[in-house]
Amino acid sequence: MCQLMGMSANVPTDARFSFTGLVERAGRTDVHKDGWGITFYRGKGVQEFRDLQAGSDCDVANFLKQQCIKSDIVIGHIRQANVGALTLENTHPFRRELWGENWTFAHNGQLKDIDTILPLGRYLPVGTTDSEHIFCWLLDQIATAFPTRPSDPTQLYAFIYEKRAQLHAYDVCNFMLSDGHALIVHCSNNLHWITRRAPFGPALLKDIEVSVDFSTETTEKDVVTVFATQPLTTNETWIKMQPGEMLVFEQGEQTGRFLASDD
């Protein structure tokens, strides 16, 4: 299956370190060589990059590893195709507009007979993946329930958690979703996370001999949380999410947690 990477921070933060570890798994240390993509939120706008080449050998990915693009929310994805052709429109993350804001979605898993179980409405897929279908269905459900953004965001997050139960019941559905305000992460079977805050120290990537001393890159007030399908570093303690758990992070801090007892 595919692998995911996400970041939430309280200040615009450079995600090159995590991205470098992720794309090594896109053809070199793992089999996810069927395209990759990454989205950086920058204010109300987004900056997106994607390619069909294996990320470990891609000139665009190598270019990004040299660029200091700072963002407070990042969603990345490396693909091992199982549904949908190897085309650019089938490469995650996917993006749509709702309430005049950019929503981004990346998914790991596979749902069968999705056309039957998840009928579409306002939003339609451009490509042919089950992942994009899920995103379009979920956004339509949100738009129908909330014609405008609810004043209490917990209502929105609780609604998303209710809807993700349908997806989780059918098969594996790990996903990351953002509206530029929060990073929403759902685990069906395999996701990990770590929050870095002062006192910062060194970190060593698992998939390539690259290290960074975060104490030289941050201030005492910085808070950065990183999510990944599998831990990206070897010398840090990552937390494994529980199946059926959904977390909401804003500015690097956890602001919501949902876990149904019957999942």
Foldseek 3Di string as FASTA:
>chain_A
DKKKKKKAALWFFFPLVVLVLRLCCQVNVHPLAQKKKKWADDPQDIDIDIDRGRLVPDPVNVVSSPDRGTHRIMMMMGHDDDWFDSDPLPYDFDWDDAQNGIKTKDKDWAFPPCCVLQPADPDDRPTTGVRSVVVRSLVVVLCVVPVHQDPDCVVVVVVSLVVVVSVLVRIFIWMWMDRSFKIKTAGQDFKKKDKDAPPFAKWAFDSDGDIDGCNVVDDRPMIMMMMMRDDGTDPDDIGIDDRSKMWIDGNNDTDDIDHDPVD
